Each structure stands twice: as structure tokens, then as C-alpha cells.
């Protein structure tokens, strides 16, 4: 998404990335981004929680007014303790993804080298 956003920005179309994978956003260097510390897949708010979803999206859209240079700004939303997420592909099973890291991760060395050049 970061590459697409940079392309659109170069054509004069403003973009804003709303993401929850900080390491990926840092590596991708988006023109404008808001980081929400929610699990992957829930960037726009908690499932079936319209109030939370609206609050997240409204806060993210403020980035269009406030950013004059490339930046990734964290938002002050917290994933509520006890609010379990369920993997929809395996209904009923809790998500067991690896913990987040700020170290960029690449599929192979060639991808890492290409990313380091930008």
C-alpha cells in the first residue's frame, strides 16, 4: 500500500494509510499514515463496534489536515483487555499470531536490498 500511496501522491492525489503493522509502514515509508495499535485486520476498529470504528476512522482522516510532510503518527486507541478476536477462517479459534516487532521482515534478501535502496 505504501508504494501505491507514494505513486498517487506523485500524481497529486493525497493519500493516507491507516495501519496496524508499524514495522511494515516504517519499511514502506508512506507519505502520510496513522498507526492504530490494534491486531492486524482490525485497523478500522473493533469488529461490530460501530462507535469504535467511527472514532478510529474520524481520527485517521484528520491526517489530511495536519500533515505537511511524510509521517507516521500513532493514534491513542487501545485494544481492550479481554476483547478476544476470532480468526474468521477458523471460526471459534483464537488468533495465535507472532508478537509484533519493529524490525522489518522481508520474504528474501532481494526484497530487503530493494527496500533499503528507497
PDB file of N, CA and C in Angstrom:
ATOM      1  N   UNK A   1       0.815  -1.185   0.000  1.00  0.00           N
ATOM      2  CA  UNK A   1       0.000   0.000   0.000  1.00  0.00           C
ATOM      3  C   UNK A   1       0.864   1.257   0.000  1.00  0.00           C
ATOM      4  N   UNK A   2       1.984   1.199   0.698  1.00  0.00           N
ATOM      5  CA  UNK A   2       2.849   2.376   0.778  1.00  0.00           C
ATOM      6  C   UNK A   2       3.352   2.785  -0.599  1.00  0.00           C
ATOM      7  N   UNK A   3       3.731   1.800  -1.414  1.00  0.00           N
ATOM      8  CA  UNK A   3       4.211   2.107  -2.761  1.00  0.00           C
ATOM      9  C   UNK A   3       3.113   2.736  -3.607  1.00  0.00           C
ATOM     10  N   UNK A   4       1.911   2.202  -3.490  1.00  0.00           N
ATOM     11  CA  UNK A   4       0.776   2.756  -4.236  1.00  0.00           C
ATOM     12  C   UNK A   4       0.491   4.181  -3.766  1.00  0.00           C
ATOM     13  N   UNK A   5       0.530   4.400  -2.456  1.00  0.00           N
ATOM     14  CA  UNK A   5       0.285   5.741  -1.918  1.00  0.00           C
ATOM     15  C   UNK A   5       1.341   6.720  -2.437  1.00  0.00           C
ATOM     16  N   UNK A   6       2.590   6.311  -2.454  1.00  0.00           N
ATOM     17  CA  UNK A   6       3.639   7.207  -2.947  1.00  0.00           C
ATOM     18  C   UNK A   6       3.435   7.536  -4.422  1.00  0.00           C
ATOM     19  N   UNK A   7       2.993   6.541  -5.204  1.00  0.00           N
ATOM     20  CA  UNK A   7       2.726   6.783  -6.629  1.00  0.00           C
ATOM     21  C   UNK A   7       1.590   7.795  -6.792  1.00  0.00           C
ATOM     22  N   UNK A   8       0.481   7.591  -6.076  1.00  0.00           N
ATOM     23  CA  UNK A   8      -0.650   8.521  -6.188  1.00  0.00           C
ATOM     24  C   UNK A   8      -0.245   9.926  -5.744  1.00  0.00           C
ATOM     25  N   UNK A   9       0.531  10.014  -4.674  1.00  0.00           N
ATOM     26  CA  UNK A   9       0.983  11.317  -4.189  1.00  0.00           C
ATOM     27  C   UNK A   9       1.825  12.020  -5.259  1.00  0.00           C
ATOM     28  N   UNK A  10       2.656  11.259  -5.971  1.00  0.00           N
ATOM     29  CA  UNK A  10       3.490  11.864  -7.017  1.00  0.00           C
ATOM     30  C   UNK A  10       2.648  12.424  -8.159  1.00  0.00           C
ATOM     31  N   UNK A  11       1.421  11.936  -8.293  1.00  0.00           N
ATOM     32  CA  UNK A  11       0.490  12.416  -9.323  1.00  0.00           C
ATOM     33  C   UNK A  11      -0.437  13.503  -8.786  1.00  0.00           C
ATOM     34  N   UNK A  12      -0.227  13.901  -7.516  1.00  0.00           N
ATOM     35  CA  UNK A  12      -1.023  14.977  -6.942  1.00  0.00           C
ATOM     36  C   UNK A  12      -2.261  14.533  -6.184  1.00  0.00           C
ATOM     37  N   UNK A  13      -2.445  13.229  -5.983  1.00  0.00           N
ATOM     38  CA  UNK A  13      -3.606  12.719  -5.259  1.00  0.00           C
ATOM     39  C   UNK A  13      -3.212  12.419  -3.818  1.00  0.00           C
ATOM     40  N   UNK A  14      -3.752  13.138  -2.846  1.00  0.00           N
ATOM     41  CA  UNK A  14      -3.393  12.884  -1.445  1.00  0.00           C
ATOM     42  C   UNK A  14      -3.862  11.503  -0.986  1.00  0.00           C
ATOM     43  N   UNK A  15      -3.051  10.862  -0.184  1.00  0.00           N
ATOM     44  CA  UNK A  15      -3.388   9.545   0.357  1.00  0.00           C
ATOM     45  C   UNK A  15      -3.151   9.529   1.852  1.00  0.00           C
ATOM     46  N   UNK A  16      -3.748   8.557   2.510  1.00  0.00           N
ATOM     47  CA  UNK A  16      -3.497   8.344   3.932  1.00  0.00           C
ATOM     48  C   UNK A  16      -3.632   6.855   4.207  1.00  0.00           C
ATOM     49  N   UNK A  17      -2.628   6.289   4.843  1.00  0.00           N
ATOM     50  CA  UNK A  17      -2.647   4.864   5.195  1.00  0.00           C
ATOM     51  C   UNK A  17      -3.050   4.745   6.651  1.00  0.00           C
ATOM     52  N   UNK A  18      -3.990   3.869   6.916  1.00  0.00           N
ATOM     53  CA  UNK A  18      -4.392   3.524   8.277  1.00  0.00           C
ATOM     54  C   UNK A  18      -3.914   2.096   8.490  1.00  0.00           C
ATOM     55  N   UNK A  19      -2.961   1.912   9.385  1.00  0.00           N
ATOM     56  CA  UNK A  19      -2.381   0.591   9.527  1.00  0.00           C
ATOM     57  C   UNK A  19      -2.088   0.202  10.954  1.00  0.00           C
ATOM     58  N   UNK A  20      -1.924  -1.118  11.142  1.00  0.00           N
ATOM     59  CA  UNK A  20      -1.596  -1.639  12.466  1.00  0.00           C
ATOM     60  C   UNK A  20      -0.303  -2.452  12.453  1.00  0.00           C
ATOM     61  N   UNK A  21       0.409  -2.415  11.358  1.00  0.00           N
ATOM     62  CA  UNK A  21       1.702  -3.104  11.266  1.00  0.00           C
ATOM     63  C   UNK A  21       2.779  -2.033  11.143  1.00  0.00           C
ATOM     64  N   UNK A  22       3.219  -1.526  12.282  1.00  0.00           N
ATOM     65  CA  UNK A  22       4.152  -0.401  12.297  1.00  0.00           C
ATOM     66  C   UNK A  22       5.445  -0.727  11.565  1.00  0.00           C
ATOM     67  N   UNK A  23       5.965  -1.922  11.737  1.00  0.00           N
ATOM     68  CA  UNK A  23       7.213  -2.286  11.064  1.00  0.00           C
ATOM     69  C   UNK A  23       7.074  -2.225   9.552  1.00  0.00           C
ATOM     70  N   UNK A  24       5.935  -2.641   9.036  1.00  0.00           N
ATOM     71  CA  UNK A  24       5.707  -2.613   7.586  1.00  0.00           C
ATOM     72  C   UNK A  24       5.569  -1.170   7.108  1.00  0.00           C
ATOM     73  N   UNK A  25       4.847  -0.354   7.878  1.00  0.00           N
ATOM     74  CA  UNK A  25       4.688   1.041   7.474  1.00  0.00           C
ATOM     75  C   UNK A  25       6.039   1.771   7.496  1.00  0.00           C
ATOM     76  N   UNK A  26       6.860   1.523   8.499  1.00  0.00           N
ATOM     77  CA  UNK A  26       8.178   2.163   8.568  1.00  0.00           C
ATOM     78  C   UNK A  26       9.020   1.764   7.359  1.00  0.00           C
ATOM     79  N   UNK A  27       9.010   0.474   7.036  1.00  0.00           N
ATOM     80  CA  UNK A  27       9.784  -0.009   5.886  1.00  0.00           C
ATOM     81  C   UNK A  27       9.246   0.556   4.578  1.00  0.00           C
ATOM     82  N   UNK A  28       7.921   0.738   4.470  1.00  0.00           N
ATOM     83  CA  UNK A  28       7.305   1.210   3.238  1.00  0.00           C
ATOM     84  C   UNK A  28       7.370   2.704   3.041  1.00  0.00           C
ATOM     85  N   UNK A  29       7.661   3.453   4.097  1.00  0.00           N
ATOM     86  CA  UNK A  29       7.806   4.915   4.040  1.00  0.00           C
ATOM     87  C   UNK A  29       6.610   5.593   3.359  1.00  0.00           C
ATOM     88  N   UNK A  30       5.406   5.478   3.926  1.00  0.00           N
ATOM     89  CA  UNK A  30       4.245   6.114   3.302  1.00  0.00           C
ATOM     90  C   UNK A  30       4.311   7.636   3.424  1.00  0.00           C
ATOM     91  N   UNK A  31       3.660   8.350   2.507  1.00  0.00           N
ATOM     92  CA  UNK A  31       3.655   9.807   2.582  1.00  0.00           C
ATOM     93  C   UNK A  31       2.935  10.317   3.840  1.00  0.00           C
ATOM     94  N   UNK A  32       1.870   9.652   4.215  1.00  0.00           N
ATOM     95  CA  UNK A  32       1.032  10.064   5.348  1.00  0.00           C
ATOM     96  C   UNK A  32       0.404   8.793   5.913  1.00  0.00           C
ATOM     97  N   UNK A  33       0.535   8.583   7.209  1.00  0.00           N
ATOM     98  CA  UNK A  33      -0.044   7.367   7.784  1.00  0.00           C
ATOM     99  C   UNK A  33      -0.425   7.589   9.240  1.00  0.00           C
ATOM    100  N   UNK A  34      -1.435   6.844   9.667  1.00  0.00           N
ATOM    101  CA  UNK A  34      -1.837   6.789  11.066  1.00  0.00           C
ATOM    102  C   UNK A  34      -1.682   5.342  11.516  1.00  0.00           C
ATOM    103  N   UNK A  35      -1.025   5.163  12.664  1.00  0.00           N
ATOM    104  CA  UNK A  35      -0.830   3.832  13.229  1.00  0.00           C
ATOM    105  C   UNK A  35      -1.823   3.627  14.360  1.00  0.00           C
ATOM    106  N   UNK A  36      -2.594   2.555  14.289  1.00  0.00           N
ATOM    107  CA  UNK A  36      -3.504   2.181  15.364  1.00  0.00           C
ATOM    108  C   UNK A  36      -3.000   0.848  15.925  1.00  0.00           C
ATOM    109  N   UNK A  37      -2.779   0.801  17.222  1.00  0.00           N
ATOM    110  CA  UNK A  37      -2.201  -0.381  17.857  1.00  0.00           C
ATOM    111  C   UNK A  37      -3.279  -1.434  18.132  1.00  0.00           C
ATOM    112  N   UNK A  38      -3.878  -1.891  17.051  1.00  0.00           N
ATOM    113  CA  UNK A  38      -4.888  -2.947  17.087  1.00  0.00           C
ATOM    114  C   UNK A  38      -4.304  -4.157  16.348  1.00  0.00           C
ATOM    115  N   UNK A  39      -4.840  -5.333  16.577  1.00  0.00           N
ATOM    116  CA  UNK A  39      -4.353  -6.505  15.836  1.00  0.00           C
ATOM    117  C   UNK A  39      -4.564  -6.335  14.328  1.00  0.00           C
ATOM    118  N   UNK A  40      -3.717  -6.993  13.552  1.00  0.00           N
ATOM    119  CA  UNK A  40      -3.865  -6.954  12.099  1.00  0.00           C
ATOM    120  C   UNK A  40      -5.279  -7.373  11.705  1.00  0.00           C
ATOM    121  N   UNK A  41      -5.824  -6.662  10.750  1.00  0.00           N
ATOM    122  CA  UNK A  41      -7.177  -6.948  10.292  1.00  0.00           C
ATOM    123  C   UNK A  41      -8.233  -6.099  10.974  1.00  0.00           C
ATOM    124  N   UNK A  42      -7.839  -5.363  12.002  1.00  0.00           N
ATOM    125  CA  UNK A  42      -8.795  -4.537  12.742  1.00  0.00           C
ATOM    126  C   UNK A  42      -8.387  -3.063  12.699  1.00  0.00           C
ATOM    127  N   UNK A  43      -7.699  -2.652  11.645  1.00  0.00           N
ATOM    128  CA  UNK A  43      -7.176  -1.294  11.543  1.00  0.00           C
ATOM    129  C   UNK A  43      -8.274  -0.239  11.644  1.00  0.00           C
ATOM    130  N   UNK A  44      -9.452  -0.552  11.158  1.00  0.00           N
ATOM    131  CA  UNK A  44     -10.550   0.428  11.156  1.00  0.00           C
ATOM    132  C   UNK A  44     -11.481   0.241  12.347  1.00  0.00           C
ATOM    133  N   UNK A  45     -11.038  -0.459  13.368  1.00  0.00           N
ATOM    134  CA  UNK A  45     -11.844  -0.589  14.579  1.00  0.00           C
ATOM    135  C   UNK A  45     -12.225  -2.022  14.905  1.00  0.00           C
ATOM    136  N   UNK A  46     -12.749  -2.169  16.132  1.00  0.00           N
ATOM    137  CA  UNK A  46     -13.148  -3.495  16.608  1.00  0.00           C
ATOM    138  C   UNK A  46     -14.376  -4.003  15.868  1.00  0.00           C
ATOM    139  N   UNK A  47     -14.404  -5.295  15.631  1.00  0.00           N
ATOM    140  CA  UNK A  47     -15.487  -5.968  14.918  1.00  0.00           C
ATOM    141  C   UNK A  47     -16.831  -5.698  15.588  1.00  0.00           C
ATOM    142  N   UNK A  48     -17.787  -5.254  14.795  1.00  0.00           N
ATOM    143  CA  UNK A  48     -19.163  -4.982  15.227  1.00  0.00           C
ATOM    144  C   UNK A  48     -19.254  -3.901  16.310  1.00  0.00           C
ATOM    145  N   UNK A  49     -18.257  -3.035  16.389  1.00  0.00           N
ATOM    146  CA  UNK A  49     -18.270  -1.933  17.347  1.00  0.00           C
ATOM    147  C   UNK A  49     -18.283  -0.629  16.549  1.00  0.00           C
ATOM    148  N   UNK A  50     -19.463  -0.192  16.150  1.00  0.00           N
ATOM    149  CA  UNK A  50     -19.599   0.969  15.266  1.00  0.00           C
ATOM    150  C   UNK A  50     -19.010   2.237  15.873  1.00  0.00           C
ATOM    151  N   UNK A  51     -19.168   2.415  17.179  1.00  0.00           N
ATOM    152  CA  UNK A  51     -18.627   3.616  17.824  1.00  0.00           C
ATOM    153  C   UNK A  51     -17.102   3.653  17.710  1.00  0.00           C
ATOM    154  N   UNK A  52     -16.468   2.512  17.970  1.00  0.00           N
ATOM    155  CA  UNK A  52     -15.013   2.439  17.870  1.00  0.00           C
ATOM    156  C   UNK A  52     -14.571   2.631  16.421  1.00  0.00           C
ATOM    157  N   UNK A  53     -15.257   2.012  15.486  1.00  0.00           N
ATOM    158  CA  UNK A  53     -14.903   2.130  14.073  1.00  0.00           C
ATOM    159  C   UNK A  53     -14.988   3.580  13.602  1.00  0.00           C
ATOM    160  N   UNK A  54     -16.064   4.257  13.956  1.00  0.00           N
ATOM    161  CA  UNK A  54     -16.221   5.660  13.563  1.00  0.00           C
ATOM    162  C   UNK A  54     -15.143   6.533  14.200  1.00  0.00           C
ATOM    163  N   UNK A  55     -14.836   6.284  15.458  1.00  0.00           N
ATOM    164  CA  UNK A  55     -13.820   7.082  16.147  1.00  0.00           C
ATOM    165  C   UNK A  55     -12.448   6.903  15.491  1.00  0.00           C
ATOM    166  N   UNK A  56     -12.092   5.668  15.159  1.00  0.00           N
ATOM    167  CA  UNK A  56     -10.799   5.394  14.533  1.00  0.00           C
ATOM    168  C   UNK A  56     -10.711   6.075  13.171  1.00  0.00           C
ATOM    169  N   UNK A  57     -11.740   5.914  12.357  1.00  0.00           N
ATOM    170  CA  UNK A  57     -11.700   6.486  11.003  1.00  0.00           C
ATOM    171  C   UNK A  57     -11.717   8.018  11.057  1.00  0.00           C
ATOM    172  N   UNK A  58     -12.537   8.577  11.933  1.00  0.00           N
ATOM    173  CA  UNK A  58     -12.567  10.049  12.053  1.00  0.00           C
ATOM    174  C   UNK A  58     -11.206  10.603  12.475  1.00  0.00           C
ATOM    175  N   UNK A  59     -10.579   9.948  13.439  1.00  0.00           N
ATOM    176  CA  UNK A  59      -9.266  10.399  13.893  1.00  0.00           C
ATOM    177  C   UNK A  59      -8.235  10.252  12.768  1.00  0.00           C
ATOM    178  N   UNK A  60      -8.296   9.160  12.037  1.00  0.00           N
ATOM    179  CA  UNK A  60      -7.347   8.936  10.944  1.00  0.00           C
ATOM    180  C   UNK A  60      -7.485  10.013   9.873  1.00  0.00           C
ATOM    181  N   UNK A  61      -8.696  10.391   9.536  1.00  0.00           N
ATOM    182  CA  UNK A  61      -8.916  11.374   8.470  1.00  0.00           C
ATOM    183  C   UNK A  61      -8.359  12.752   8.811  1.00  0.00           C
ATOM    184  N   UNK A  62      -8.123  13.022  10.080  1.00  0.00           N
ATOM    185  CA  UNK A  62      -7.514  14.292  10.467  1.00  0.00           C
ATOM    186  C   UNK A  62      -6.101  14.421   9.905  1.00  0.00           C
ATOM    187  N   UNK A  63      -5.523  13.312   9.521  1.00  0.00           N
ATOM    188  CA  UNK A  63      -4.187  13.341   8.936  1.00  0.00           C
ATOM    189  C   UNK A  63      -4.125  14.152   7.662  1.00  0.00           C
ATOM    190  N   UNK A  64      -5.213  14.255   6.946  1.00  0.00           N
ATOM    191  CA  UNK A  64      -5.210  15.061   5.725  1.00  0.00           C
ATOM    192  C   UNK A  64      -5.036  16.543   6.039  1.00  0.00           C
ATOM    193  N   UNK A  65      -5.518  16.973   7.181  1.00  0.00           N
ATOM    194  CA  UNK A  65      -5.412  18.385   7.558  1.00  0.00           C
ATOM    195  C   UNK A  65      -4.091  18.715   8.234  1.00  0.00           C
ATOM    196  N   UNK A  66      -3.516  17.751   8.934  1.00  0.00           N
ATOM    197  CA  UNK A  66      -2.397  18.045   9.820  1.00  0.00           C
ATOM    198  C   UNK A  66      -1.012  17.759   9.251  1.00  0.00           C
ATOM    199  N   UNK A  67      -0.895  16.981   8.196  1.00  0.00           N
ATOM    200  CA  UNK A  67       0.423  16.547   7.737  1.00  0.00           C
ATOM    201  C   UNK A  67       0.889  17.367   6.541  1.00  0.00           C
ATOM    202  N   UNK A  68       2.050  17.935   6.676  1.00  0.00           N
ATOM    203  CA  UNK A  68       2.645  18.696   5.574  1.00  0.00           C
ATOM    204  C   UNK A  68       3.875  17.976   5.020  1.00  0.00           C
ATOM    205  N   UNK A  69       4.344  16.939   5.707  1.00  0.00           N
ATOM    206  CA  UNK A  69       5.494  16.163   5.257  1.00  0.00           C
ATOM    207  C   UNK A  69       5.253  14.705   5.619  1.00  0.00           C
ATOM    208  N   UNK A  70       5.992  13.764   4.998  1.00  0.00           N
ATOM    209  CA  UNK A  70       5.770  12.345   5.294  1.00  0.00           C
ATOM    210  C   UNK A  70       5.904  12.046   6.789  1.00  0.00           C
ATOM    211  N   UNK A  71       4.951  11.307   7.304  1.00  0.00           N
ATOM    212  CA  UNK A  71       4.970  10.968   8.723  1.00  0.00           C
ATOM    213  C   UNK A  71       4.083   9.770   9.003  1.00  0.00           C
ATOM    214  N   UNK A  72       4.379   9.082  10.095  1.00  0.00           N
ATOM    215  CA  UNK A  72       3.524   8.025  10.632  1.00  0.00           C
ATOM    216  C   UNK A  72       3.193   8.445  12.054  1.00  0.00           C
ATOM    217  N   UNK A  73       1.942   8.758  12.290  1.00  0.00           N
ATOM    218  CA  UNK A  73       1.542   9.234  13.615  1.00  0.00           C
ATOM    219  C   UNK A  73       0.752   8.155  14.344  1.00  0.00           C
ATOM    220  N   UNK A  74       1.149   7.832  15.573  1.00  0.00           N
ATOM    221  CA  UNK A  74       0.372   6.862  16.352  1.00  0.00           C
ATOM    222  C   UNK A  74      -0.928   7.490  16.845  1.00  0.00           C
ATOM    223  N   UNK A  75      -1.970   6.693  16.888  1.00  0.00           N
ATOM    224  CA  UNK A  75      -3.252   7.145  17.431  1.00  0.00           C
ATOM    225  C   UNK A  75      -3.410   6.564  18.831  1.00  0.00           C
ATOM    226  N   UNK A  76      -4.193   7.225  19.656  1.00  0.00           N
ATOM    227  CA  UNK A  76      -4.307   6.868  21.077  1.00  0.00           C
ATOM    228  C   UNK A  76      -5.429   5.872  21.351  1.00  0.00           C
ATOM    229  N   UNK A  77      -5.594   4.890  20.494  1.00  0.00           N
ATOM    230  CA  UNK A  77      -6.598   3.860  20.725  1.00  0.00           C
ATOM    231  C   UNK A  77      -5.919   2.631  21.321  1.00  0.00           C
ATOM    232  N   UNK A  78      -6.621   1.954  22.230  1.00  0.00           N
ATOM    233  CA  UNK A  78      -6.069   0.753  22.858  1.00  0.00           C
ATOM    234  C   UNK A  78      -7.014  -0.421  22.634  1.00  0.00           C
ATOM    235  N   UNK A  79      -6.430  -1.569  22.386  1.00  0.00           N
ATOM    236  CA  UNK A  79      -7.203  -2.796  22.286  1.00  0.00           C
ATOM    237  C   UNK A  79      -7.620  -3.177  23.699  1.00  0.00           C
ATOM    238  N   UNK A  80      -8.897  -3.309  23.947  1.00  0.00           N
ATOM    239  CA  UNK A  80      -9.398  -3.550  25.297  1.00  0.00           C
ATOM    240  C   UNK A  80      -9.009  -4.929  25.814  1.00  0.00           C
ATOM    241  N   UNK A  81      -8.523  -5.015  27.060  1.00  0.00           N
ATOM    242  CA  UNK A  81      -8.226  -6.323  27.635  1.00  0.00           C
ATOM    243  C   UNK A  81      -9.494  -7.175  27.657  1.00  0.00           C
ATOM    244  N   UNK A  82      -9.343  -8.429  27.327  1.00  0.00           N
ATOM    245  CA  UNK A  82     -10.489  -9.334  27.329  1.00  0.00           C
ATOM    246  C   UNK A  82     -11.294  -9.291  26.051  1.00  0.00           C
ATOM    247  N   UNK A  83     -10.948  -8.378  25.124  1.00  0.00           N
ATOM    248  CA  UNK A  83     -11.682  -8.306  23.858  1.00  0.00           C
ATOM    249  C   UNK A  83     -11.009  -9.263  22.897  1.00  0.00           C
ATOM    250  N   UNK A  84     -11.445 -10.515  22.918  1.00  0.00           N
ATOM    251  CA  UNK A  84     -10.813 -11.550  22.105  1.00  0.00           C
ATOM    252  C   UNK A  84     -11.186 -11.392  20.644  1.00  0.00           C
ATOM    253  N   UNK A  85     -10.205 -11.615  19.798  1.00  0.00           N
ATOM    254  CA  UNK A  85     -10.500 -11.631  18.375  1.00  0.00           C
ATOM    255  C   UNK A  85     -10.543 -13.078  17.911  1.00  0.00           C
ATOM    256  N   UNK A  86     -11.348 -13.319  16.924  1.00  0.00           N
ATOM    257  CA  UNK A  86     -11.528 -14.667  16.408  1.00  0.00           C
ATOM    258  C   UNK A  86     -11.104 -14.675  14.951  1.00  0.00           C
ATOM    259  N   UNK A  87     -10.361 -15.673  14.566  1.00  0.00           N
ATOM    260  CA  UNK A  87      -9.966 -15.834  13.183  1.00  0.00           C
ATOM    261  C   UNK A  87     -11.176 -16.365  12.417  1.00  0.00           C
ATOM    262  N   UNK A  88     -11.722 -15.544  11.512  1.00  0.00           N
ATOM    263  CA  UNK A  88     -12.945 -15.912  10.797  1.00  0.00           C
ATOM    264  C   UNK A  88     -12.781 -17.141   9.915  1.00  0.00           C
ATOM    265  N   UNK A  89     -11.571 -17.403   9.453  1.00  0.00           N
ATOM    266  CA  UNK A  89     -11.363 -18.573   8.602  1.00  0.00           C
ATOM    267  C   UNK A  89     -11.465 -19.865   9.396  1.00  0.00           C
ATOM    268  N   UNK A  90     -11.144 -19.804  10.664  1.00  0.00           N
ATOM    269  CA  UNK A  90     -11.248 -20.974  11.526  1.00  0.00           C
ATOM    270  C   UNK A  90     -12.137 -20.582  12.696  1.00  0.00           C
ATOM    271  N   UNK A  91     -13.395 -20.479  12.432  1.00  0.00           N
ATOM    272  CA  UNK A  91     -14.354 -19.953  13.400  1.00  0.00           C
ATOM    273  C   UNK A  91     -14.193 -20.608  14.774  1.00  0.00           C
ATOM    274  N   UNK A  92     -14.111 -19.742  15.772  1.00  0.00           N
ATOM    275  CA  UNK A  92     -14.026 -20.216  17.141  1.00  0.00           C
ATOM    276  C   UNK A  92     -12.619 -20.340  17.696  1.00  0.00           C
ATOM    277  N   UNK A  93     -11.594 -20.233  16.840  1.00  0.00           N
ATOM    278  CA  UNK A  93     -10.216 -20.352  17.329  1.00  0.00           C
ATOM    279  C   UNK A  93      -9.642 -18.965  17.556  1.00  0.00           C
ATOM    280  N   UNK A  94      -8.942 -18.800  18.651  1.00  0.00           N
ATOM    281  CA  UNK A  94      -8.299 -17.526  18.934  1.00  0.00           C
ATOM    282  C   UNK A  94      -7.108 -17.321  18.008  1.00  0.00           C
ATOM    283  N   UNK A  95      -6.797 -16.089  17.780  1.00  0.00           N
ATOM    284  CA  UNK A  95      -5.669 -15.727  16.934  1.00  0.00           C
ATOM    285  C   UNK A  95      -4.360 -16.005  17.676  1.00  0.00           C
ATOM    286  N   UNK A  96      -3.433 -16.674  17.014  1.00  0.00           N
ATOM    287  CA  UNK A  96      -2.155 -17.015  17.633  1.00  0.00           C
ATOM    288  C   UNK A  96      -0.987 -16.498  16.803  1.00  0.00           C
ATOM    289  N   UNK A  97      -1.109 -15.271  16.293  1.00  0.00           N
ATOM    290  CA  UNK A  97      -0.019 -14.707  15.501  1.00  0.00           C
ATOM    291  C   UNK A  97       1.174 -14.385  16.391  1.00  0.00           C
ATOM    292  N   UNK A  98       2.329 -14.292  15.776  1.00  0.00           N
ATOM    293  CA  UNK A  98       3.559 -13.941  16.496  1.00  0.00           C
ATOM    294  C   UNK A  98       3.458 -12.522  17.025  1.00  0.00           C
ATOM    295  N   UNK A  99       4.157 -12.225  18.110  1.00  0.00           N
ATOM    296  CA  UNK A  99       4.158 -10.851  18.615  1.00  0.00           C
ATOM    297  C   UNK A  99       4.793  -9.901  17.610  1.00  0.00           C
ATOM    298  N   UNK A 100       4.420  -8.629  17.696  1.00  0.00           N
ATOM    299  CA  UNK A 100       4.969  -7.615  16.804  1.00  0.00           C
ATOM    300  C   UNK A 100       6.427  -7.334  17.131  1.00  0.00           C
ATOM    301  N   UNK A 101       7.126  -6.876  16.105  1.00  0.00           N
ATOM    302  CA  UNK A 101       8.499  -6.439  16.256  1.00  0.00           C
ATOM    303  C   UNK A 101       8.685  -5.191  15.410  1.00  0.00           C
ATOM    304  N   UNK A 102       9.598  -4.332  15.794  1.00  0.00           N
ATOM    305  CA  UNK A 102       9.875  -3.145  14.997  1.00  0.00           C
ATOM    306  C   UNK A 102      10.922  -3.401  13.927  1.00  0.00           C
ATOM    307  N   UNK A 103      11.451  -4.631  13.889  1.00  0.00           N
ATOM    308  CA  UNK A 103      12.427  -4.993  12.865  1.00  0.00           C
ATOM    309  C   UNK A 103      11.693  -5.332  11.571  1.00  0.00           C
ATOM    310  N   UNK A 104      12.047  -4.677  10.454  1.00  0.00           N
ATOM    311  CA  UNK A 104      11.422  -5.033   9.180  1.00  0.00           C
ATOM    312  C   UNK A 104      11.681  -6.497   8.828  1.00  0.00           C
ATOM    313  N   UNK A 105      10.692  -7.113   8.231  1.00  0.00           N
ATOM    314  CA  UNK A 105      10.814  -8.506   7.816  1.00  0.00           C
ATOM    315  C   UNK A 105      10.567  -8.590   6.321  1.00  0.00           C
ATOM    316  N   UNK A 106      11.352  -9.390   5.634  1.00  0.00           N
ATOM    317  CA  UNK A 106      11.276  -9.498   4.192  1.00  0.00           C
ATOM    318  C   UNK A 106      11.145 -10.959   3.802  1.00  0.00           C
ATOM    319  N   UNK A 107      10.585 -11.192   2.608  1.00  0.00           N
ATOM    320  CA  UNK A 107      10.448 -12.566   2.134  1.00  0.00           C
ATOM    321  C   UNK A 107      11.795 -13.162   1.776  1.00  0.00           C
ATOM    322  N   UNK A 108      12.708 -12.327   1.274  1.00  0.00           N
ATOM    323  CA  UNK A 108      14.027 -12.817   0.895  1.00  0.00           C
ATOM    324  C   UNK A 108      15.018 -11.651   0.896  1.00  0.00           C
ATOM    325  N   UNK A 109      16.292 -11.949   0.701  1.00  0.00           N
ATOM    326  CA  UNK A 109      17.334 -10.916   0.721  1.00  0.00           C
ATOM    327  C   UNK A 109      17.167  -9.914  -0.414  1.00  0.00           C
ATOM    328  N   UNK A 110      16.691 -10.369  -1.557  1.00  0.00           N
ATOM    329  CA  UNK A 110      16.485  -9.457  -2.686  1.00  0.00           C
ATOM    330  C   UNK A 110      15.468  -8.369  -2.321  1.00  0.00           C
ATOM    331  N   UNK A 111      14.381  -8.744  -1.666  1.00  0.00           N
ATOM    332  CA  UNK A 111      13.389  -7.759  -1.224  1.00  0.00           C
ATOM    333  C   UNK A 111      13.998  -6.781  -0.227  1.00  0.00           C
ATOM    334  N   UNK A 112      14.799  -7.290   0.698  1.00  0.00           N
ATOM    335  CA  UNK A 112      15.444  -6.425   1.686  1.00  0.00           C
ATOM    336  C   UNK A 112      16.354  -5.419   1.018  1.00  0.00           C
ATOM    337  N   UNK A 113      17.146  -5.873   0.059  1.00  0.00           N
ATOM    338  CA  UNK A 113      18.067  -4.974  -0.655  1.00  0.00           C
ATOM    339  C   UNK A 113      17.302  -3.895  -1.435  1.00  0.00           C
ATOM    340  N   UNK A 114      16.215  -4.276  -2.078  1.00  0.00           N
ATOM    341  CA  UNK A 114      15.400  -3.304  -2.811  1.00  0.00           C
ATOM    342  C   UNK A 114      14.783  -2.279  -1.869  1.00  0.00           C
ATOM    343  N   UNK A 115      14.314  -2.715  -0.741  1.00  0.00           N
ATOM    344  CA  UNK A 115      13.694  -1.801   0.225  1.00  0.00           C
ATOM    345  C   UNK A 115      14.728  -0.847   0.811  1.00  0.00           C
ATOM    346  N   UNK A 116      15.934  -1.332   1.021  1.00  0.00           N
ATOM    347  CA  UNK A 116      16.992  -0.500   1.594  1.00  0.00           C
ATOM    348  C   UNK A 116      17.438   0.603   0.640  1.00  0.00           C
ATOM    349  N   UNK A 117      17.215   0.418  -0.654  1.00  0.00           N
ATOM    350  CA  UNK A 117      17.628   1.415  -1.657  1.00  0.00           C
ATOM    351  C   UNK A 117      16.674   2.614  -1.692  1.00  0.00           C
ATOM    352  N   UNK A 118      15.442   2.457  -1.204  1.00  0.00           N
ATOM    353  CA  UNK A 118      14.465   3.558  -1.292  1.00  0.00           C
ATOM    354  C   UNK A 118      14.596   4.516  -0.163  1.00  0.00           C
TER     355      UNK A 118
END
